[in-house]
Amino acid sequence: MTIEKEKQISESVDTVKPAFGTPLTRLWTPRKGLSRQLVEEISWQKDEPDWMRQKRLKSFDIFESKPMPTWGPDLSGLKFDDLTFYTAPGYKKTRSWDEVPQDIKDTYEKLGIPEAERKYLAGVVAVYDNETVYEGIKEEYTKQGILFASMDTAVKEYPDIVKRHFMTNNVPPTDNKFAALHGAVWSGGSFMWVPPNTKVNLPLQAYFRMEGKEEGTFEHTMLIVEEGSDAEYIEGCTAQQYSTNSLHSAVVEIFVRKGARARYTTVQNWSSDVYNLNTKRALVEEEGKMEWVGGSMGSKITMLYPASYLIGKGAKADHLNIAFANKGQHKDGGAKVIHGAPYTTSNILAKSVAKDGGHAGFRGLVRVAPGAYGSKVKVRCDGLLMDEFSKNDTFPNMQIQQNDVLVEHEATVGRVSEETIFYMMSRGLSEAEAMAMVVNGFIEPVTKQLPMEYALELNRLVALEMEGSIG
């Protein structure tokens, strides 16, 4: 530990509070393993209200009772006793970028976060390891009544809203083992509440950076778009490359009220030692619309199936996703849509690429419940294999329990044509450039839905994947 870091920690022990009310961290020694005592200490460390502490403890008990999932990728290499589940920061959270510690600021400057906020975004939450280091929203949006902050701030400043929504009827801790784990040890994340009949003209963004090794990160995202409103949220994720396993297990809860629209966009670029195991879900009410747009790069194993529950008449959901599996990587992704009301509509488009022995797959679930007459479903999953060593799976699950509905499903897997690559190389492109161009054309139906700067970022990440330089 550097002298400067020790100074930051010593200055932060039980002394001053930031202007906006979040206590500075008490002295904390990071340690590996998970226990009920650790869960209580995390809550104490954050100075949380008792209702959140009780939620954490209940989630921990559920986690202990649930077995590891065995129906998907092999998770036997994930050892909870080897992980550090919480590392307290030695700095305070701030709403002024100038007050962020220089080493952290340098990381985010390289990622372009302050520049992005100035040019393209209505607000930003920046999370470094387990904790929020910066949160900000432009004044014009504050005047509209929009709330945007870190989850830790929201627990204290907007407790009624958070308590009513946090892991209750959207993603309860009983949903799966990793949702329960998240409920016990969550830290960081972002909170957005948009009042009725309000349009957010610029996106709100969160950026999560995993810096430590053998670490778990568990940010919680809660987005609430009230009746008649329209908002877009963008999330980016990166991690350092180490030789030991780390875990990312986030939960995203989105609430789309009557006649509202929400778009959630994420570009993830995890290092190849990360287990990326998340639960993301939206509840969509009458005439509401939910849009998911995602790009998943890196990670050792990814299990990610964003879900939309269409619970109101005329609700809609679009799921657009790209996954890239390189050597030693298993991407198990897809989407879930539950049609629980009449005249609901869903569209799922998944594109996956596998290279150098990578394993990509689509795992989807569509359920049209009794009474959801007049519903329309379209599912398309396309796989692109870059060589004979890679693998691509499709596991569609269509549960149609109502007549008078329209359901379409299409799945394709193909190899890159050697003739195409040869032709492009004969025109002066390198093999990597030619491959990247083919892949960018393949994923273009999804990237065209991204804001220009994020589409360019995703294309750049694809080019790095083609060069074998991810991480």
Protein backbone atom coordinates (compact mmCIF):
# COMPACT_ATOMS: atom_id res chain seq x y z
CA MET A 1 0.00 0.00 0.00
CA THR A 2 1.35 3.44 -0.91
CA ILE A 3 1.89 6.21 1.62
CA GLU A 4 -0.74 8.28 -0.19
CA LYS A 5 -3.30 5.46 0.04
CA GLU A 6 -2.59 5.00 3.77
CA LYS A 7 -3.09 8.72 4.24
CA GLN A 8 -6.43 8.61 2.41
CA ILE A 9 -7.62 5.73 4.60
CA SER A 10 -6.43 7.26 7.87
CA GLU A 11 -8.18 10.53 7.04
CA SER A 12 -11.43 8.70 6.32
CA VAL A 13 -11.91 6.75 9.55
CA ASP A 14 -15.11 7.79 11.37
CA THR A 15 -14.44 11.50 11.00
CA VAL A 16 -16.04 13.69 8.34
CA LYS A 17 -19.17 13.24 6.24
CA PRO A 18 -19.45 14.39 2.62
CA ALA A 19 -21.80 17.29 1.99
CA PHE A 20 -24.49 15.04 0.56
CA GLY A 21 -24.68 12.70 3.52
CA THR A 22 -22.77 9.48 2.84
CA PRO A 23 -20.47 8.58 5.76
CA LEU A 24 -16.84 8.05 4.96
CA THR A 25 -15.61 4.50 5.30
CA ARG A 26 -14.47 3.06 8.60
CA LEU A 27 -11.16 1.25 8.69
CA TRP A 28 -11.57 -2.09 6.91
CA THR A 29 -9.28 -5.04 6.29
CA PRO A 30 -10.27 -6.93 3.12
CA ARG A 31 -10.52 -10.68 3.56
CA LYS A 32 -11.53 -13.68 1.49
CA GLY A 33 -14.58 -15.85 1.91
CA LEU A 34 -18.25 -15.29 2.63
CA SER A 35 -20.04 -15.47 5.97
CA ARG A 36 -23.09 -14.07 7.73
CA GLN A 37 -20.76 -11.90 9.80
CA LEU A 38 -19.25 -10.40 6.64
CA VAL A 39 -22.73 -9.53 5.36
CA GLU A 40 -23.52 -7.72 8.62
CA GLU A 41 -20.20 -5.89 8.51
CA ILE A 42 -20.80 -4.68 4.94
CA SER A 43 -24.12 -3.19 6.03
CA TRP A 44 -22.47 -1.60 9.09
CA GLN A 45 -19.63 -0.29 6.95
CA LYS A 46 -22.14 1.44 4.69
CA ASP A 47 -24.15 2.79 7.64
CA GLU A 48 -27.32 1.34 6.13
CA PRO A 49 -30.84 1.39 7.61
CA ASP A 50 -31.99 -1.76 9.37
CA TRP A 51 -34.42 -2.77 6.62
CA MET A 52 -31.54 -3.10 4.14
CA ARG A 53 -29.47 -5.08 6.64
CA GLN A 54 -32.39 -7.49 7.08
CA LYS A 55 -32.73 -7.85 3.30
CA ARG A 56 -29.05 -8.71 3.09
CA LEU A 57 -29.27 -11.36 5.82
CA LYS A 58 -32.38 -12.95 4.30
CA SER A 59 -30.64 -13.08 0.92
CA PHE A 60 -27.60 -14.72 2.50
CA ASP A 61 -29.77 -17.47 4.02
CA ILE A 62 -31.37 -18.10 0.62
CA PHE A 63 -27.93 -18.21 -1.02
CA GLU A 64 -26.77 -20.82 1.49
CA SER A 65 -29.82 -23.00 0.77
CA LYS A 66 -29.59 -23.00 -3.03
CA PRO A 67 -27.31 -25.36 -5.01
CA MET A 68 -25.00 -24.21 -7.77
CA PRO A 69 -26.63 -24.30 -11.22
CA THR A 70 -25.56 -27.28 -13.32
CA TRP A 71 -27.70 -26.81 -16.45
CA GLY A 72 -25.33 -24.41 -18.21
CA PRO A 73 -21.60 -23.67 -18.41
CA ASP A 74 -19.20 -25.36 -16.00
CA LEU A 75 -18.87 -23.23 -12.85
CA SER A 76 -16.72 -25.71 -10.90
CA GLY A 77 -13.70 -23.38 -11.14
CA LEU A 78 -15.50 -20.66 -9.19
CA LYS A 79 -14.44 -20.92 -5.53
CA PHE A 80 -16.23 -18.57 -3.15
CA ASP A 81 -13.61 -19.05 -0.43
CA ASP A 82 -10.95 -17.60 -2.75
CA LEU A 83 -12.81 -14.37 -3.42
CA THR A 84 -12.85 -11.03 -1.67
CA PHE A 85 -16.49 -9.93 -1.61
CA TYR A 86 -16.02 -6.37 -0.42
CA THR A 87 -13.18 -3.87 -0.36
CA ALA A 88 -13.93 -0.56 1.32
CA PRO A 89 -12.49 2.51 -0.41
CA GLY A 90 -10.07 4.87 1.24
CA TYR A 91 -11.77 7.89 -0.28
CA LYS A 92 -15.12 9.61 -0.13
CA LYS A 93 -17.77 9.69 -2.81
CA THR A 94 -18.02 13.05 -4.57
CA ARG A 95 -20.16 15.03 -6.98
CA SER A 96 -17.15 17.01 -8.16
CA TRP A 97 -14.86 15.34 -10.68
CA ASP A 98 -11.97 17.47 -9.44
CA GLU A 99 -12.18 15.74 -6.03
CA VAL A 100 -11.80 12.17 -7.36
CA PRO A 101 -8.38 10.68 -6.41
CA GLN A 102 -5.87 11.15 -9.23
CA ASP A 103 -5.10 7.45 -9.83
CA ILE A 104 -8.81 6.66 -10.24
CA LYS A 105 -9.35 9.80 -12.29
CA ASP A 106 -6.57 8.76 -14.67
CA THR A 107 -8.28 5.40 -15.26
CA TYR A 108 -11.61 7.00 -16.11
CA GLU A 109 -9.98 9.74 -18.20
CA LYS A 110 -8.44 6.99 -20.36
CA LEU A 111 -11.90 5.43 -20.68
CA GLY A 112 -13.30 8.82 -21.75
CA ILE A 113 -15.91 9.09 -18.99
CA PRO A 114 -15.61 12.82 -18.13
CA GLU A 115 -15.48 13.68 -21.86
CA ALA A 116 -18.52 11.50 -22.50
CA GLU A 117 -20.41 13.27 -19.72
CA ARG A 118 -19.59 16.67 -21.12
CA LYS A 119 -20.51 15.81 -24.70
CA TYR A 120 -23.17 13.15 -24.78
CA LEU A 121 -24.67 12.40 -21.39
CA ALA A 122 -27.18 13.85 -18.97
CA GLY A 123 -25.40 12.30 -15.98
CA VAL A 124 -22.79 9.75 -14.88
CA VAL A 125 -22.22 7.37 -11.98
CA ALA A 126 -18.67 5.97 -11.85
CA VAL A 127 -17.95 2.82 -9.80
CA TYR A 128 -14.38 1.70 -9.05
CA ASP A 129 -14.10 -1.83 -7.64
CA ASN A 130 -16.99 -2.11 -5.15
CA GLU A 131 -17.80 1.52 -4.50
CA THR A 132 -19.08 4.63 -6.23
CA VAL A 133 -16.42 7.33 -6.55
CA TYR A 134 -18.37 9.92 -8.53
CA GLU A 135 -21.99 10.79 -9.30
CA GLY A 136 -23.29 13.74 -11.25
CA ILE A 137 -26.30 14.93 -13.24
CA LYS A 138 -26.74 18.09 -15.26
CA GLU A 139 -28.72 20.85 -13.56
CA GLU A 140 -31.34 21.05 -16.31
CA TYR A 141 -32.37 17.45 -15.61
CA THR A 142 -32.45 17.97 -11.86
CA LYS A 143 -34.92 20.80 -12.48
CA GLN A 144 -37.15 18.31 -14.32
CA GLY A 145 -37.33 16.26 -11.14
CA ILE A 146 -35.17 13.39 -12.42
CA LEU A 147 -33.32 11.50 -9.71
CA PHE A 148 -29.97 9.96 -10.67
CA ALA A 149 -27.44 8.80 -8.11
CA SER A 150 -25.50 5.82 -6.84
CA MET A 151 -27.56 3.07 -5.19
CA ASP A 152 -25.84 3.73 -1.86
CA THR A 153 -26.94 7.36 -2.00
CA ALA A 154 -30.47 6.34 -3.06
CA VAL A 155 -30.85 4.00 -0.07
CA LYS A 156 -30.33 6.97 2.24
CA GLU A 157 -31.90 9.85 0.28
CA TYR A 158 -34.84 8.07 -1.40
CA PRO A 159 -35.56 5.18 1.00
CA ASP A 160 -39.29 4.93 0.29
CA ILE A 161 -38.75 4.40 -3.45
CA VAL A 162 -35.84 2.00 -2.99
CA LYS A 163 -37.49 -0.08 -0.27
CA ARG A 164 -40.63 -0.52 -2.36
CA HIS A 165 -38.71 -1.77 -5.41
CA PHE A 166 -35.40 -3.32 -4.25
CA MET A 167 -35.43 -7.07 -5.00
CA THR A 168 -39.15 -7.44 -4.28
CA ASN A 169 -41.43 -8.39 -7.18
CA ASN A 170 -38.90 -7.93 -10.01
CA VAL A 171 -35.73 -9.85 -9.04
CA PRO A 172 -36.37 -11.43 -5.61
CA PRO A 173 -33.41 -13.16 -3.95
CA THR A 174 -35.25 -16.48 -4.38
CA ASP A 175 -34.88 -16.17 -8.16
CA ASN A 176 -31.50 -17.93 -8.38
CA LYS A 177 -28.37 -18.56 -6.32
CA PHE A 178 -26.43 -15.62 -7.73
CA ALA A 179 -29.34 -13.21 -7.28
CA ALA A 180 -29.37 -14.28 -3.62
CA LEU A 181 -25.60 -13.78 -3.38
CA HIS A 182 -26.01 -10.33 -4.89
CA GLY A 183 -28.75 -9.42 -2.42
CA ALA A 184 -26.40 -10.28 0.44
CA VAL A 185 -23.24 -8.47 -0.67
CA TRP A 186 -24.30 -5.87 -3.26
CA SER A 187 -22.28 -2.68 -3.37
CA GLY A 188 -22.26 0.29 -5.72
CA GLY A 189 -24.45 0.65 -8.77
CA SER A 190 -26.85 3.32 -9.95
CA PHE A 191 -30.39 4.53 -9.36
CA MET A 192 -32.60 6.43 -11.80
CA TRP A 193 -36.16 7.67 -11.31
CA VAL A 194 -37.91 9.63 -14.05
CA PRO A 195 -41.13 11.42 -13.04
CA PRO A 196 -44.32 11.05 -15.13
CA ASN A 197 -44.51 12.57 -18.62
CA THR A 198 -40.82 13.48 -18.72
CA LYS A 199 -38.46 12.95 -21.64
CA VAL A 200 -34.74 12.66 -20.94
CA ASN A 201 -33.14 13.98 -24.11
CA LEU A 202 -29.64 12.68 -23.34
CA PRO A 203 -28.63 9.26 -21.93
CA LEU A 204 -27.67 8.67 -18.31
CA GLN A 205 -24.61 6.46 -17.87
CA ALA A 206 -22.85 4.29 -15.31
CA TYR A 207 -19.33 2.92 -15.74
CA PHE A 208 -18.05 0.01 -13.66
CA ARG A 209 -14.36 -0.78 -13.32
CA MET A 210 -13.09 -3.97 -11.64
CA GLU A 211 -9.51 -3.32 -10.58
CA GLY A 212 -8.59 -6.05 -8.08
CA LYS A 213 -7.85 -9.74 -8.53
CA GLU A 214 -9.75 -12.64 -6.93
CA GLU A 215 -12.49 -10.14 -6.33
CA GLY A 216 -16.27 -10.07 -6.51
CA THR A 217 -18.18 -7.03 -7.72
CA PHE A 218 -21.93 -6.76 -7.21
CA GLU A 219 -23.31 -3.43 -8.41
CA HIS A 220 -27.08 -2.96 -8.33
CA THR A 221 -28.91 -0.97 -10.98
CA MET A 222 -32.48 0.27 -10.49
CA LEU A 223 -34.25 2.20 -13.24
CA ILE A 224 -37.82 3.45 -12.76
CA VAL A 225 -39.49 5.23 -15.69
CA GLU A 226 -42.89 6.51 -14.65
CA GLU A 227 -46.05 6.79 -16.77
CA GLY A 228 -45.64 8.48 -20.14
CA SER A 229 -41.91 9.11 -19.74
CA ASP A 230 -38.94 8.25 -21.98
CA ALA A 231 -35.36 7.59 -20.84
CA GLU A 232 -32.16 5.88 -21.95
CA TYR A 233 -29.46 4.43 -19.72
CA ILE A 234 -26.02 3.30 -20.89
CA GLU A 235 -23.64 1.07 -18.95
CA GLY A 236 -20.01 0.20 -19.59
CA CYS A 237 -17.90 -2.41 -17.80
CA THR A 238 -14.17 -3.23 -17.89
CA ALA A 239 -11.69 -5.17 -15.75
CA GLN A 240 -7.96 -5.65 -15.32
CA GLN A 241 -6.39 -8.86 -16.65
CA TYR A 242 -5.10 -11.28 -13.97
CA SER A 243 -4.27 -14.98 -13.88
CA THR A 244 -6.79 -15.76 -11.12
CA ASN A 245 -10.58 -15.90 -11.24
CA SER A 246 -12.87 -13.01 -10.35
CA LEU A 247 -16.66 -12.77 -10.16
CA HIS A 248 -19.07 -10.16 -11.47
CA SER A 249 -22.65 -10.77 -10.35
CA ALA A 250 -24.85 -7.75 -10.92
CA VAL A 251 -28.61 -7.29 -10.73
CA VAL A 252 -30.53 -4.86 -12.95
CA GLU A 253 -34.15 -4.05 -12.08
CA ILE A 254 -36.14 -1.93 -14.53
CA PHE A 255 -39.72 -0.72 -14.10
CA VAL A 256 -41.50 0.63 -17.19
CA ARG A 257 -44.83 2.18 -16.29
CA LYS A 258 -47.91 2.68 -18.48
CA GLY A 259 -47.06 4.26 -21.83
CA ALA A 260 -43.39 4.74 -20.90
CA ARG A 261 -40.26 3.77 -22.83
CA ALA A 262 -36.89 2.67 -21.43
CA ARG A 263 -33.74 1.68 -23.26
CA TYR A 264 -30.90 -0.10 -21.46
CA THR A 265 -27.62 -0.30 -23.39
CA THR A 266 -24.52 -2.07 -22.17
CA VAL A 267 -21.05 -2.62 -23.64
CA GLN A 268 -19.06 -5.06 -21.52
CA ASN A 269 -15.36 -5.74 -22.00
CA TRP A 270 -14.38 -8.02 -19.12
CA SER A 271 -10.96 -9.62 -18.88
CA SER A 272 -10.72 -13.34 -19.59
CA ASP A 273 -10.52 -14.37 -15.91
CA VAL A 274 -13.96 -13.02 -14.95
CA TYR A 275 -17.08 -15.13 -14.30
CA ASN A 276 -19.83 -12.79 -15.54
CA LEU A 277 -23.09 -14.06 -13.98
CA ASN A 278 -25.91 -11.53 -13.92
CA THR A 279 -29.67 -11.20 -13.50
CA LYS A 280 -31.39 -8.45 -15.49
CA ARG A 281 -35.15 -7.99 -15.69
CA ALA A 282 -37.79 -5.45 -16.67
CA LEU A 283 -41.46 -5.26 -15.69
CA VAL A 284 -43.36 -3.57 -18.52
CA GLU A 285 -46.86 -2.22 -17.94
CA GLU A 286 -49.66 -1.34 -20.39
CA GLU A 287 -48.43 0.17 -23.69
CA GLY A 288 -44.93 0.44 -22.24
CA LYS A 289 -41.83 -0.41 -24.25
CA MET A 290 -38.53 -1.92 -23.06
CA GLU A 291 -35.44 -1.99 -25.29
CA TRP A 292 -32.33 -4.02 -24.43
CA VAL A 293 -29.16 -3.47 -26.49
CA GLY A 294 -26.01 -5.31 -25.42
CA GLY A 295 -22.48 -6.13 -26.50
CA SER A 296 -20.61 -8.79 -24.50
CA MET A 297 -16.85 -9.11 -24.97
CA GLY A 298 -14.24 -10.88 -22.88
CA SER A 299 -14.88 -12.87 -19.66
CA LYS A 300 -14.13 -16.51 -18.93
CA ILE A 301 -17.78 -17.52 -18.60
CA THR A 302 -20.83 -15.37 -19.20
CA MET A 303 -24.37 -16.36 -18.25
CA LEU A 304 -26.65 -13.48 -19.20
CA TYR A 305 -30.33 -13.63 -20.17
CA PRO A 306 -32.05 -10.21 -19.90
CA ALA A 307 -35.75 -10.75 -19.24
CA SER A 308 -38.88 -8.74 -20.00
CA TYR A 309 -42.16 -9.45 -18.23
CA LEU A 310 -44.93 -7.92 -20.34
CA ILE A 311 -47.60 -7.54 -17.69
CA GLY A 312 -49.79 -4.87 -19.32
CA LYS A 313 -51.92 -4.92 -22.45
CA GLY A 314 -50.01 -3.78 -25.52
CA ALA A 315 -46.59 -3.88 -23.83
CA LYS A 316 -43.53 -4.37 -26.05
CA ALA A 317 -39.96 -5.63 -25.67
CA ASP A 318 -36.98 -5.58 -28.03
CA HIS A 319 -33.87 -7.62 -27.21
CA LEU A 320 -30.77 -7.03 -29.34
CA ASN A 321 -27.53 -8.68 -28.26
CA ILE A 322 -24.02 -9.44 -29.53
CA ALA A 323 -21.66 -11.96 -27.91
CA PHE A 324 -18.05 -12.74 -28.89
CA ALA A 325 -16.37 -15.91 -27.59
CA ASN A 326 -12.62 -16.16 -28.04
CA LYS A 327 -10.15 -18.83 -26.93
CA GLY A 328 -11.01 -20.22 -23.48
CA GLN A 329 -14.30 -18.33 -23.28
CA HIS A 330 -17.88 -19.63 -22.97
CA LYS A 331 -20.65 -17.13 -23.71
CA ASP A 332 -24.06 -18.50 -22.73
CA GLY A 333 -26.51 -15.70 -23.41
CA GLY A 334 -29.92 -14.98 -24.78
CA ALA A 335 -33.18 -13.51 -23.61
CA LYS A 336 -36.40 -14.28 -21.77
CA VAL A 337 -39.79 -12.76 -22.50
CA ILE A 338 -42.99 -13.58 -20.64
CA HIS A 339 -46.16 -12.45 -22.42
CA GLY A 340 -48.59 -12.06 -19.56
CA ALA A 341 -51.19 -9.80 -21.18
CA PRO A 342 -53.07 -9.50 -24.51
CA TYR A 343 -51.60 -7.86 -27.62
CA THR A 344 -48.06 -7.85 -26.31
CA THR A 345 -45.12 -7.91 -28.72
CA SER A 346 -41.53 -9.14 -28.45
CA ASN A 347 -38.60 -9.17 -30.84
CA ILE A 348 -35.38 -11.01 -29.99
CA LEU A 349 -32.28 -10.74 -32.19
CA ALA A 350 -29.08 -12.40 -30.95
CA LYS A 351 -25.77 -12.46 -32.81
CA SER A 352 -22.86 -14.56 -31.57
CA VAL A 353 -19.33 -15.03 -32.88
CA ALA A 354 -16.92 -17.81 -31.88
CA LYS A 355 -13.19 -17.81 -32.68
CA ASP A 356 -10.08 -19.85 -31.80
CA GLY A 357 -12.02 -22.57 -29.99
CA GLY A 358 -14.43 -20.24 -28.22
CA HIS A 359 -17.88 -21.48 -27.25
CA ALA A 360 -20.91 -19.27 -27.88
CA GLY A 361 -24.55 -20.12 -27.37
CA PHE A 362 -28.08 -18.78 -27.37
CA ARG A 363 -30.45 -19.83 -24.59
CA GLY A 364 -33.87 -18.27 -24.93
CA LEU A 365 -37.26 -18.59 -23.28
CA VAL A 366 -40.51 -17.19 -24.62
CA ARG A 367 -43.73 -17.92 -22.76
CA VAL A 368 -47.14 -16.80 -23.96
CA ALA A 369 -49.36 -17.23 -20.93
CA PRO A 370 -53.07 -18.13 -21.02
CA GLY A 371 -55.07 -15.01 -21.83
CA ALA A 372 -52.26 -13.30 -23.78
CA TYR A 373 -54.22 -13.48 -27.04
CA GLY A 374 -53.18 -11.35 -29.99
CA SER A 375 -49.52 -11.48 -28.95
CA LYS A 376 -46.67 -11.49 -31.47
CA VAL A 377 -43.25 -13.09 -31.02
CA LYS A 378 -40.22 -13.04 -33.30
CA VAL A 379 -36.97 -14.75 -32.32
CA ARG A 380 -33.84 -14.87 -34.47
CA CYS A 381 -30.45 -16.13 -33.31
CA ASP A 382 -27.49 -16.17 -35.70
CA GLY A 383 -24.09 -17.74 -35.03
CA LEU A 384 -20.85 -17.12 -36.91
CA LEU A 385 -17.95 -19.58 -36.60
CA MET A 386 -14.54 -18.23 -37.53
CA ASP A 387 -12.80 -21.64 -37.66
CA GLU A 388 -13.33 -25.37 -37.28
CA PHE A 389 -12.32 -25.39 -33.59
CA SER A 390 -15.10 -23.16 -32.26
CA LYS A 391 -18.63 -24.06 -31.18
CA ASN A 392 -22.06 -22.47 -31.30
CA ASP A 393 -25.23 -23.77 -29.59
CA THR A 394 -28.89 -22.81 -29.74
CA PHE A 395 -31.34 -23.76 -26.98
CA PRO A 396 -34.72 -22.16 -27.74
CA ASN A 397 -37.61 -22.77 -25.38
CA MET A 398 -41.04 -21.72 -26.70
CA GLN A 399 -43.97 -22.21 -24.31
CA ILE A 400 -47.14 -21.18 -26.12
CA GLN A 401 -50.17 -21.57 -23.86
CA GLN A 402 -52.67 -19.47 -25.84
CA ASN A 403 -54.25 -19.70 -29.29
CA ASP A 404 -54.62 -16.69 -31.59
CA VAL A 405 -50.96 -15.64 -31.38
CA LEU A 406 -48.19 -15.27 -33.98
CA VAL A 407 -44.84 -16.86 -33.14
CA GLU A 408 -41.73 -16.95 -35.38
CA HIS A 409 -38.36 -18.53 -34.67
CA GLU A 410 -35.26 -18.70 -36.85
CA ALA A 411 -31.75 -19.93 -36.05
CA THR A 412 -28.69 -20.02 -38.32
CA VAL A 413 -25.02 -20.98 -37.88
CA GLY A 414 -22.41 -20.48 -40.59
CA ARG A 415 -18.68 -20.36 -41.28
CA VAL A 416 -16.78 -17.41 -42.71
CA SER A 417 -16.18 -17.97 -46.40
CA GLU A 418 -12.49 -18.44 -47.26
CA GLU A 419 -13.20 -17.02 -50.70
CA THR A 420 -14.55 -13.82 -49.16
CA ILE A 421 -11.48 -13.38 -46.96
CA PHE A 422 -9.14 -14.10 -49.89
CA TYR A 423 -10.92 -11.51 -52.05
CA MET A 424 -10.70 -8.83 -49.35
CA MET A 425 -7.02 -9.57 -48.73
CA SER A 426 -6.37 -9.26 -52.45
CA ARG A 427 -7.67 -5.70 -52.14
CA GLY A 428 -5.03 -4.78 -49.58
CA LEU A 429 -6.59 -5.74 -46.24
CA SER A 430 -4.77 -7.88 -43.72
CA GLU A 431 -6.44 -11.13 -42.65
CA ALA A 432 -7.38 -9.61 -39.29
CA GLU A 433 -8.86 -6.53 -40.99
CA ALA A 434 -10.81 -8.71 -43.43
CA MET A 435 -12.16 -10.89 -40.60
CA ALA A 436 -13.12 -7.83 -38.57
CA MET A 437 -14.96 -6.37 -41.53
CA VAL A 438 -16.95 -9.59 -41.97
CA VAL A 439 -17.81 -9.67 -38.27
CA ASN A 440 -18.80 -5.99 -38.22
CA GLY A 441 -21.15 -6.63 -41.12
CA PHE A 442 -22.60 -9.63 -39.30
CA ILE A 443 -23.35 -7.68 -36.12
CA GLU A 444 -24.41 -4.47 -37.88
CA PRO A 445 -28.16 -4.97 -37.19
CA VAL A 446 -27.36 -4.54 -33.49
CA THR A 447 -24.59 -1.92 -33.63
CA LYS A 448 -26.76 0.42 -35.70
CA GLN A 449 -29.03 0.68 -32.66
CA LEU A 450 -26.17 2.07 -30.53
CA PRO A 451 -25.29 5.76 -30.22
CA MET A 452 -22.49 6.52 -32.67
CA GLU A 453 -19.69 6.76 -30.09
CA TYR A 454 -20.64 3.40 -28.54
CA ALA A 455 -20.99 1.69 -31.91
CA LEU A 456 -17.46 2.85 -32.71
CA GLU A 457 -16.24 1.51 -29.35
CA LEU A 458 -17.85 -1.88 -29.99
CA ASN A 459 -16.36 -2.07 -33.49
CA ARG A 460 -12.95 -1.25 -32.02
CA LEU A 461 -13.35 -4.04 -29.44
CA VAL A 462 -14.27 -6.47 -32.22
CA ALA A 463 -11.09 -5.49 -34.06
CA LEU A 464 -9.08 -6.16 -30.88
CA GLU A 465 -10.76 -9.55 -30.52
CA MET A 466 -9.83 -10.42 -34.09
CA GLU A 467 -6.22 -9.58 -33.25
CA GLY A 468 -6.38 -11.75 -30.12
CA SER A 469 -5.63 -8.82 -27.83
CA ILE A 470 -8.64 -8.76 -25.52
CA GLY A 471 -8.22 -8.19 -21.78
